PDB file of N, CA and C in Angstrom:
ATOM      1  N   MET A   1       0.823  -1.200   0.000  1.00  0.00           N
ATOM      2  CA  MET A   1       0.000   0.000   0.000  1.00  0.00           C
ATOM      3  C   MET A   1       0.863   1.258   0.000  1.00  0.00           C
ATOM      4  N   GLN A   2       2.045   1.143   0.503  1.00  0.00           N
ATOM      5  CA  GLN A   2       2.929   2.285   0.597  1.00  0.00           C
ATOM      6  C   GLN A   2       3.472   2.681  -0.783  1.00  0.00           C
ATOM      7  N   ARG A   3       3.579   1.748  -1.670  1.00  0.00           N
ATOM      8  CA  ARG A   3       4.134   2.025  -3.001  1.00  0.00           C
ATOM      9  C   ARG A   3       3.281   3.041  -3.766  1.00  0.00           C
ATOM     10  N   PRO A   4       1.954   2.904  -3.838  1.00  0.00           N
ATOM     11  CA  PRO A   4       1.165   3.922  -4.544  1.00  0.00           C
ATOM     12  C   PRO A   4       1.335   5.308  -3.932  1.00  0.00           C
ATOM     13  N   LEU A   5       1.502   5.382  -2.637  1.00  0.00           N
ATOM     14  CA  LEU A   5       1.693   6.670  -1.986  1.00  0.00           C
ATOM     15  C   LEU A   5       3.001   7.306  -2.432  1.00  0.00           C
ATOM     16  N   ILE A   6       4.044   6.510  -2.570  1.00  0.00           N
ATOM     17  CA  ILE A   6       5.336   7.022  -3.041  1.00  0.00           C
ATOM     18  C   ILE A   6       5.216   7.518  -4.479  1.00  0.00           C
ATOM     19  N   VAL A   7       4.476   6.785  -5.289  1.00  0.00           N
ATOM     20  CA  VAL A   7       4.270   7.189  -6.691  1.00  0.00           C
ATOM     21  C   VAL A   7       3.518   8.524  -6.739  1.00  0.00           C
ATOM     22  N   ILE A   8       2.498   8.627  -5.909  1.00  0.00           N
ATOM     23  CA  ILE A   8       1.699   9.875  -5.884  1.00  0.00           C
ATOM     24  C   ILE A   8       2.558  11.031  -5.394  1.00  0.00           C
ATOM     25  N   LEU A   9       3.313  10.814  -4.340  1.00  0.00           N
ATOM     26  CA  LEU A   9       4.182  11.867  -3.807  1.00  0.00           C
ATOM     27  C   LEU A   9       5.258  12.252  -4.819  1.00  0.00           C
ATOM     28  N   SER A  10       5.797  11.287  -5.523  1.00  0.00           N
ATOM     29  CA  SER A  10       6.808  11.575  -6.551  1.00  0.00           C
ATOM     30  C   SER A  10       6.192  12.414  -7.663  1.00  0.00           C
ATOM     31  N   PHE A  11       4.967  12.066  -8.049  1.00  0.00           N
ATOM     32  CA  PHE A  11       4.274  12.818  -9.095  1.00  0.00           C
ATOM     33  C   PHE A  11       3.989  14.246  -8.640  1.00  0.00           C
ATOM     34  N   LEU A  12       3.562  14.382  -7.391  1.00  0.00           N
ATOM     35  CA  LEU A  12       3.285  15.717  -6.852  1.00  0.00           C
ATOM     36  C   LEU A  12       4.557  16.557  -6.769  1.00  0.00           C
ATOM     37  N   ALA A  13       5.665  15.918  -6.472  1.00  0.00           N
ATOM     38  CA  ALA A  13       6.943  16.633  -6.419  1.00  0.00           C
ATOM     39  C   ALA A  13       7.360  17.069  -7.828  1.00  0.00           C
ATOM     40  N   PHE A  14       6.953  16.346  -8.845  1.00  0.00           N
ATOM     41  CA  PHE A  14       7.289  16.641 -10.232  1.00  0.00           C
ATOM     42  C   PHE A  14       6.450  17.803 -10.788  1.00  0.00           C
ATOM     43  N   LEU A  15       5.244  18.002 -10.274  1.00  0.00           N
ATOM     44  CA  LEU A  15       4.323  19.019 -10.801  1.00  0.00           C
ATOM     45  C   LEU A  15       4.874  20.445 -10.781  1.00  0.00           C
ATOM     46  N   PRO A  16       5.495  20.902  -9.701  1.00  0.00           N
ATOM     47  CA  PRO A  16       6.026  22.273  -9.743  1.00  0.00           C
ATOM     48  C   PRO A  16       7.053  22.480 -10.853  1.00  0.00           C
ATOM     49  N   GLY A  17       7.881  21.479 -11.076  1.00  0.00           N
ATOM     50  CA  GLY A  17       8.862  21.570 -12.163  1.00  0.00           C
ATOM     51  C   GLY A  17       8.187  21.628 -13.515  1.00  0.00           C
ATOM     52  N   LEU A  18       7.138  20.859 -13.674  1.00  0.00           N
ATOM     53  CA  LEU A  18       6.370  20.865 -14.919  1.00  0.00           C
ATOM     54  C   LEU A  18       5.695  22.211 -15.117  1.00  0.00           C
ATOM     55  N   ALA A  19       5.115  22.744 -14.063  1.00  0.00           N
ATOM     56  CA  ALA A  19       4.454  24.050 -14.142  1.00  0.00           C
ATOM     57  C   ALA A  19       5.476  25.133 -14.479  1.00  0.00           C
ATOM     58  N   PHE A  20       6.659  25.037 -13.884  1.00  0.00           N
ATOM     59  CA  PHE A  20       7.707  26.026 -14.171  1.00  0.00           C
ATOM     60  C   PHE A  20       8.128  25.939 -15.628  1.00  0.00           C
ATOM     61  N   ALA A  21       8.262  24.714 -16.153  1.00  0.00           N
ATOM     62  CA  ALA A  21       8.652  24.544 -17.561  1.00  0.00           C
ATOM     63  C   ALA A  21       7.582  25.115 -18.483  1.00  0.00           C
ATOM     64  N   GLN A  22       6.315  24.877 -18.148  1.00  0.00           N
ATOM     65  CA  GLN A  22       5.229  25.422 -18.964  1.00  0.00           C
ATOM     66  C   GLN A  22       5.221  26.946 -18.898  1.00  0.00           C
ATOM     67  N   GLU A  23       5.464  27.483 -17.705  1.00  0.00           N
ATOM     68  CA  GLU A  23       5.509  28.933 -17.541  1.00  0.00           C
ATOM     69  C   GLU A  23       6.679  29.525 -18.327  1.00  0.00           C
ATOM     70  N   GLU A  24       7.799  28.833 -18.317  1.00  0.00           N
ATOM     71  CA  GLU A  24       8.974  29.277 -19.058  1.00  0.00           C
ATOM     72  C   GLU A  24       8.693  29.264 -20.564  1.00  0.00           C
ATOM     73  N   ASP A  25       8.029  28.207 -21.044  1.00  0.00           N
ATOM     74  CA  ASP A  25       7.654  28.135 -22.460  1.00  0.00           C
ATOM     75  C   ASP A  25       6.696  29.265 -22.820  1.00  0.00           C
ATOM     76  N   LEU A  26       5.732  29.524 -21.946  1.00  0.00           N
ATOM     77  CA  LEU A  26       4.762  30.596 -22.179  1.00  0.00           C
ATOM     78  C   LEU A  26       5.469  31.951 -22.219  1.00  0.00           C
ATOM     79  N   THR A  27       6.432  32.133 -21.336  1.00  0.00           N
ATOM     80  CA  THR A  27       7.199  33.378 -21.314  1.00  0.00           C
ATOM     81  C   THR A  27       7.962  33.559 -22.618  1.00  0.00           C
ATOM     82  N   LYS A  28       8.572  32.494 -23.117  1.00  0.00           N
ATOM     83  CA  LYS A  28       9.306  32.572 -24.385  1.00  0.00           C
ATOM     84  C   LYS A  28       8.370  32.920 -25.537  1.00  0.00           C
ATOM     85  N   ILE A  29       7.187  32.311 -25.536  1.00  0.00           N
ATOM     86  CA  ILE A  29       6.202  32.597 -26.586  1.00  0.00           C
ATOM     87  C   ILE A  29       5.777  34.057 -26.520  1.00  0.00           C
ATOM     88  N   LYS A  30       5.498  34.546 -25.318  1.00  0.00           N
ATOM     89  CA  LYS A  30       5.077  35.934 -25.148  1.00  0.00           C
ATOM     90  C   LYS A  30       6.196  36.901 -25.561  1.00  0.00           C
ATOM     91  N   GLU A  31       7.435  36.563 -25.221  1.00  0.00           N
ATOM     92  CA  GLU A  31       8.561  37.400 -25.621  1.00  0.00           C
ATOM     93  C   GLU A  31       8.690  37.447 -27.143  1.00  0.00           C
ATOM     94  N   GLN A  32       8.484  36.302 -27.788  1.00  0.00           N
ATOM     95  CA  GLN A  32       8.548  36.243 -29.249  1.00  0.00           C
ATOM     96  C   GLN A  32       7.421  37.072 -29.862  1.00  0.00           C
ATOM     97  N   GLU A  33       6.218  36.958 -29.298  1.00  0.00           N
ATOM     98  CA  GLU A  33       5.093  37.746 -29.794  1.00  0.00           C
ATOM     99  C   GLU A  33       5.369  39.238 -29.622  1.00  0.00           C
ATOM    100  N   LEU A  34       5.930  39.606 -28.481  1.00  0.00           N
ATOM    101  CA  LEU A  34       6.261  41.006 -28.218  1.00  0.00           C
ATOM    102  C   LEU A  34       7.295  41.508 -29.216  1.00  0.00           C
ATOM    103  N   GLU A  35       8.283  40.697 -29.507  1.00  0.00           N
ATOM    104  CA  GLU A  35       9.313  41.082 -30.477  1.00  0.00           C
ATOM    105  C   GLU A  35       8.699  41.258 -31.865  1.00  0.00           C
ATOM    106  N   GLU A  36       7.751  40.393 -32.226  1.00  0.00           N
ATOM    107  CA  GLU A  36       7.073  40.517 -33.520  1.00  0.00           C
ATOM    108  C   GLU A  36       6.253  41.809 -33.585  1.00  0.00           C
ATOM    109  N   VAL A  37       5.598  42.151 -32.485  1.00  0.00           N
ATOM    110  CA  VAL A  37       4.829  43.404 -32.434  1.00  0.00           C
ATOM    111  C   VAL A  37       5.772  44.597 -32.556  1.00  0.00           C
ATOM    112  N   ARG A  38       6.897  44.542 -31.866  1.00  0.00           N
ATOM    113  CA  ARG A  38       7.875  45.637 -31.957  1.00  0.00           C
ATOM    114  C   ARG A  38       8.388  45.794 -33.392  1.00  0.00           C
ATOM    115  N   ALA A  39       8.653  44.673 -34.050  1.00  0.00           N
ATOM    116  CA  ALA A  39       9.133  44.726 -35.437  1.00  0.00           C
ATOM    117  C   ALA A  39       8.061  45.322 -36.338  1.00  0.00           C
ATOM    118  N   ARG A  40       6.814  44.954 -36.127  1.00  0.00           N
ATOM    119  CA  ARG A  40       5.705  45.486 -36.937  1.00  0.00           C
ATOM    120  C   ARG A  40       5.549  46.994 -36.705  1.00  0.00           C
ATOM    121  N   ILE A  41       5.673  47.422 -35.449  1.00  0.00           N
ATOM    122  CA  ILE A  41       5.605  48.853 -35.134  1.00  0.00           C
ATOM    123  C   ILE A  41       6.738  49.585 -35.836  1.00  0.00           C
ATOM    124  N   ASN A  42       7.929  49.009 -35.808  1.00  0.00           N
ATOM    125  CA  ASN A  42       9.082  49.626 -36.464  1.00  0.00           C
ATOM    126  C   ASN A  42       8.851  49.740 -37.971  1.00  0.00           C
ATOM    127  N   ASP A  43       8.308  48.674 -38.576  1.00  0.00           N
ATOM    128  CA  ASP A  43       7.991  48.711 -40.010  1.00  0.00           C
ATOM    129  C   ASP A  43       6.977  49.808 -40.319  1.00  0.00           C
ATOM    130  N   LEU A  44       5.956  49.923 -39.473  1.00  0.00           N
ATOM    131  CA  LEU A  44       4.931  50.950 -39.684  1.00  0.00           C
ATOM    132  C   LEU A  44       5.508  52.354 -39.541  1.00  0.00           C
ATOM    133  N   LYS A  45       6.396  52.539 -38.569  1.00  0.00           N
ATOM    134  CA  LYS A  45       7.046  53.850 -38.398  1.00  0.00           C
ATOM    135  C   LYS A  45       7.859  54.211 -39.639  1.00  0.00           C
ATOM    136  N   GLU A  46       8.615  53.246 -40.152  1.00  0.00           N
ATOM    137  CA  GLU A  46       9.412  53.493 -41.352  1.00  0.00           C
ATOM    138  C   GLU A  46       8.514  53.831 -42.540  1.00  0.00           C
ATOM    139  N   SER A  47       7.416  53.129 -42.666  1.00  0.00           N
ATOM    140  CA  SER A  47       6.460  53.395 -43.745  1.00  0.00           C
ATOM    141  C   SER A  47       5.872  54.787 -43.605  1.00  0.00           C
ATOM    142  N   MET A  48       5.529  55.161 -42.377  1.00  0.00           N
ATOM    143  CA  MET A  48       4.984  56.501 -42.140  1.00  0.00           C
ATOM    144  C   MET A  48       6.016  57.578 -42.467  1.00  0.00           C
ATOM    145  N   ASP A  49       7.280  57.323 -42.112  1.00  0.00           N
ATOM    146  CA  ASP A  49       8.343  58.281 -42.421  1.00  0.00           C
ATOM    147  C   ASP A  49       8.497  58.454 -43.928  1.00  0.00           C
ATOM    148  N   ARG A  50       8.451  57.333 -44.663  1.00  0.00           N
ATOM    149  CA  ARG A  50       8.551  57.417 -46.120  1.00  0.00           C
ATOM    150  C   ARG A  50       7.360  58.182 -46.696  1.00  0.00           C
ATOM    151  N   SER A  51       6.187  57.912 -46.167  1.00  0.00           N
ATOM    152  CA  SER A  51       4.975  58.599 -46.640  1.00  0.00           C
ATOM    153  C   SER A  51       5.071  60.104 -46.351  1.00  0.00           C
ATOM    154  N   ALA A  52       5.559  60.445 -45.173  1.00  0.00           N
ATOM    155  CA  ALA A  52       5.691  61.854 -44.809  1.00  0.00           C
ATOM    156  C   ALA A  52       6.711  62.545 -45.713  1.00  0.00           C
ATOM    157  N   SER A  53       7.811  61.879 -46.010  1.00  0.00           N
ATOM    158  CA  SER A  53       8.817  62.459 -46.896  1.00  0.00           C
ATOM    159  C   SER A  53       8.240  62.672 -48.290  1.00  0.00           C
ATOM    160  N   SER A  54       7.516  61.692 -48.759  1.00  0.00           N
ATOM    161  CA  SER A  54       6.892  61.803 -50.076  1.00  0.00           C
ATOM    162  C   SER A  54       5.872  62.932 -50.088  1.00  0.00           C
ATOM    163  N   ARG A  55       5.061  63.011 -49.052  1.00  0.00           N
ATOM    164  CA  ARG A  55       4.063  64.079 -48.933  1.00  0.00           C
ATOM    165  C   ARG A  55       4.740  65.451 -48.933  1.00  0.00           C
ATOM    166  N   ASP A  56       5.825  65.580 -48.164  1.00  0.00           N
ATOM    167  CA  ASP A  56       6.539  66.855 -48.093  1.00  0.00           C
ATOM    168  C   ASP A  56       7.122  67.247 -49.449  1.00  0.00           C
ATOM    169  N   ARG A  57       7.666  66.256 -50.158  1.00  0.00           N
ATOM    170  CA  ARG A  57       8.238  66.528 -51.479  1.00  0.00           C
ATOM    171  C   ARG A  57       7.142  66.992 -52.439  1.00  0.00           C
ATOM    172  N   ILE A  58       6.024  66.280 -52.455  1.00  0.00           N
ATOM    173  CA  ILE A  58       4.926  66.627 -53.356  1.00  0.00           C
ATOM    174  C   ILE A  58       4.338  67.987 -52.990  1.00  0.00           C
ATOM    175  N   THR A  59       4.231  68.266 -51.703  1.00  0.00           N
ATOM    176  CA  THR A  59       3.733  69.576 -51.269  1.00  0.00           C
ATOM    177  C   THR A  59       4.653  70.685 -51.761  1.00  0.00           C
ATOM    178  N   GLY A  60       5.953  70.476 -51.668  1.00  0.00           N
ATOM    179  CA  GLY A  60       6.913  71.463 -52.165  1.00  0.00           C
ATOM    180  C   GLY A  60       6.773  71.671 -53.662  1.00  0.00           C
ATOM    181  N   GLU A  61       6.600  70.578 -54.401  1.00  0.00           N
ATOM    182  CA  GLU A  61       6.421  70.688 -55.853  1.00  0.00           C
ATOM    183  C   GLU A  61       5.137  71.438 -56.185  1.00  0.00           C
ATOM    184  N   LEU A  62       4.080  71.177 -55.438  1.00  0.00           N
ATOM    185  CA  LEU A  62       2.808  71.865 -55.658  1.00  0.00           C
ATOM    186  C   LEU A  62       2.946  73.357 -55.373  1.00  0.00           C
ATOM    187  N   GLN A  63       3.605  73.700 -54.289  1.00  0.00           N
ATOM    188  CA  GLN A  63       3.807  75.123 -53.971  1.00  0.00           C
ATOM    189  C   GLN A  63       4.620  75.804 -55.061  1.00  0.00           C
ATOM    190  N   SER A  64       5.643  75.137 -55.548  1.00  0.00           N
ATOM    191  CA  SER A  64       6.462  75.704 -56.612  1.00  0.00           C
ATOM    192  C   SER A  64       5.625  75.917 -57.872  1.00  0.00           C
ATOM    193  N   ALA A  65       4.783  74.935 -58.214  1.00  0.00           N
ATOM    194  CA  ALA A  65       3.925  75.061 -59.394  1.00  0.00           C
ATOM    195  C   ALA A  65       2.930  76.207 -59.217  1.00  0.00           C
ATOM    196  N   GLU A  66       2.405  76.376 -58.002  1.00  0.00           N
ATOM    197  CA  GLU A  66       1.467  77.469 -57.741  1.00  0.00           C
ATOM    198  C   GLU A  66       2.146  78.827 -57.892  1.00  0.00           C
ATOM    199  N   VAL A  67       3.388  78.929 -57.420  1.00  0.00           N
ATOM    200  CA  VAL A  67       4.138  80.191 -57.565  1.00  0.00           C
ATOM    201  C   VAL A  67       4.367  80.479 -59.049  1.00  0.00           C
ATOM    202  N   GLN A  68       4.760  79.457 -59.799  1.00  0.00           N
ATOM    203  CA  GLN A  68       4.990  79.651 -61.231  1.00  0.00           C
ATOM    204  C   GLN A  68       3.706  80.072 -61.940  1.00  0.00           C
ATOM    205  N   MET A  69       2.588  79.452 -61.580  1.00  0.00           N
ATOM    206  CA  MET A  69       1.311  79.827 -62.199  1.00  0.00           C
ATOM    207  C   MET A  69       0.952  81.267 -61.869  1.00  0.00           C
ATOM    208  N   SER A  70       1.185  81.675 -60.645  1.00  0.00           N
ATOM    209  CA  SER A  70       0.898  83.044 -60.229  1.00  0.00           C
ATOM    210  C   SER A  70       1.762  84.029 -61.012  1.00  0.00           C
ATOM    211  N   GLU A  71       3.034  83.702 -61.174  1.00  0.00           N
ATOM    212  CA  GLU A  71       3.928  84.567 -61.957  1.00  0.00           C
ATOM    213  C   GLU A  71       3.466  84.653 -63.409  1.00  0.00           C
ATOM    214  N   LYS A  72       3.033  83.536 -63.966  1.00  0.00           N
ATOM    215  CA  LYS A  72       2.556  83.526 -65.363  1.00  0.00           C
ATOM    216  C   LYS A  72       1.277  84.347 -65.500  1.00  0.00           C
ATOM    217  N   ARG A  73       0.392  84.263 -64.526  1.00  0.00           N
ATOM    218  CA  ARG A  73      -0.832  85.077 -64.565  1.00  0.00           C
ATOM    219  C   ARG A  73      -0.498  86.565 -64.551  1.00  0.00           C
ATOM    220  N   LEU A  74       0.443  86.926 -63.673  1.00  0.00           N
ATOM    221  CA  LEU A  74       0.853  88.335 -63.611  1.00  0.00           C
ATOM    222  C   LEU A  74       1.444  88.780 -64.946  1.00  0.00           C
ATOM    223  N   ARG A  75       2.282  87.953 -65.521  1.00  0.00           N
ATOM    224  CA  ARG A  75       2.895  88.290 -66.816  1.00  0.00           C
ATOM    225  C   ARG A  75       1.825  88.400 -67.899  1.00  0.00           C
ATOM    226  N   LEU A  76       0.839  87.502 -67.880  1.00  0.00           N
ATOM    227  CA  LEU A  76      -0.252  87.548 -68.844  1.00  0.00           C
ATOM    228  C   LEU A  76      -1.037  88.849 -68.698  1.00  0.00           C
ATOM    229  N   LYS A  77      -1.317  89.251 -67.481  1.00  0.00           N
ATOM    230  CA  LYS A  77      -2.033  90.511 -67.255  1.00  0.00           C
ATOM    231  C   LYS A  77      -1.213  91.696 -67.769  1.00  0.00           C
ATOM    232  N   GLU A  78       0.091  91.658 -67.549  1.00  0.00           N
ATOM    233  CA  GLU A  78       0.959  92.733 -68.059  1.00  0.00           C
ATOM    234  C   GLU A  78       0.878  92.793 -69.582  1.00  0.00           C
ATOM    235  N   LEU A  79       0.960  91.642 -70.222  1.00  0.00           N
ATOM    236  CA  LEU A  79       0.903  91.596 -71.683  1.00  0.00           C
ATOM    237  C   LEU A  79      -0.455  92.085 -72.194  1.00  0.00           C
ATOM    238  N   GLU A  80      -1.519  91.719 -71.492  1.00  0.00           N
ATOM    239  CA  GLU A  80      -2.852  92.193 -71.907  1.00  0.00           C
ATOM    240  C   GLU A  80      -2.953  93.702 -71.769  1.00  0.00           C
ATOM    241  N   ARG A  81      -2.397  94.259 -70.690  1.00  0.00           N
ATOM    242  CA  ARG A  81      -2.410  95.722 -70.505  1.00  0.00           C
ATOM    243  C   ARG A  81      -1.605  96.425 -71.602  1.00  0.00           C
ATOM    244  N   GLU A  82      -0.457  95.865 -71.924  1.00  0.00           N
ATOM    245  CA  GLU A  82       0.369  96.450 -72.983  1.00  0.00           C
ATOM    246  C   GLU A  82      -0.359  96.410 -74.308  1.00  0.00           C
ATOM    247  N   ARG A  83      -1.009  95.291 -74.565  1.00  0.00           N
ATOM    248  CA  ARG A  83      -1.738  95.147 -75.815  1.00  0.00           C
ATOM    249  C   ARG A  83      -2.906  96.133 -75.870  1.00  0.00           C
ATOM    250  N   ASP A  84      -3.624  96.315 -74.782  1.00  0.00           N
ATOM    251  CA  ASP A  84      -4.785  97.213 -74.744  1.00  0.00           C
ATOM    252  C   ASP A  84      -4.387  98.681 -74.627  1.00  0.00           C
ATOM    253  N   TYR A  85      -3.211  98.962 -74.311  1.00  0.00           N
ATOM    254  CA  TYR A  85      -2.752 100.347 -74.088  1.00  0.00           C
ATOM    255  C   TYR A  85      -2.462 101.001 -75.351  1.00  0.00           C
TER     256      TYR A  85
END
């Protein structure tokens, strides 16, 4: 009768080690998931930076085109005045 008790006690002594191993595995999985999230955030930041740079470049080109159009309008008005004068 004592033998089953030893088996049960041995099994109970093994459980904390098993729980620790499972907790350690879970921690590794969570760390890996966290690293994947960090990498995704980094990718998104880089994408946003590229988008912002592109937006800034296009905005500058648009402003330059608007200035040129304004100058051309002024020149056109001058030419019309000269012609009508």
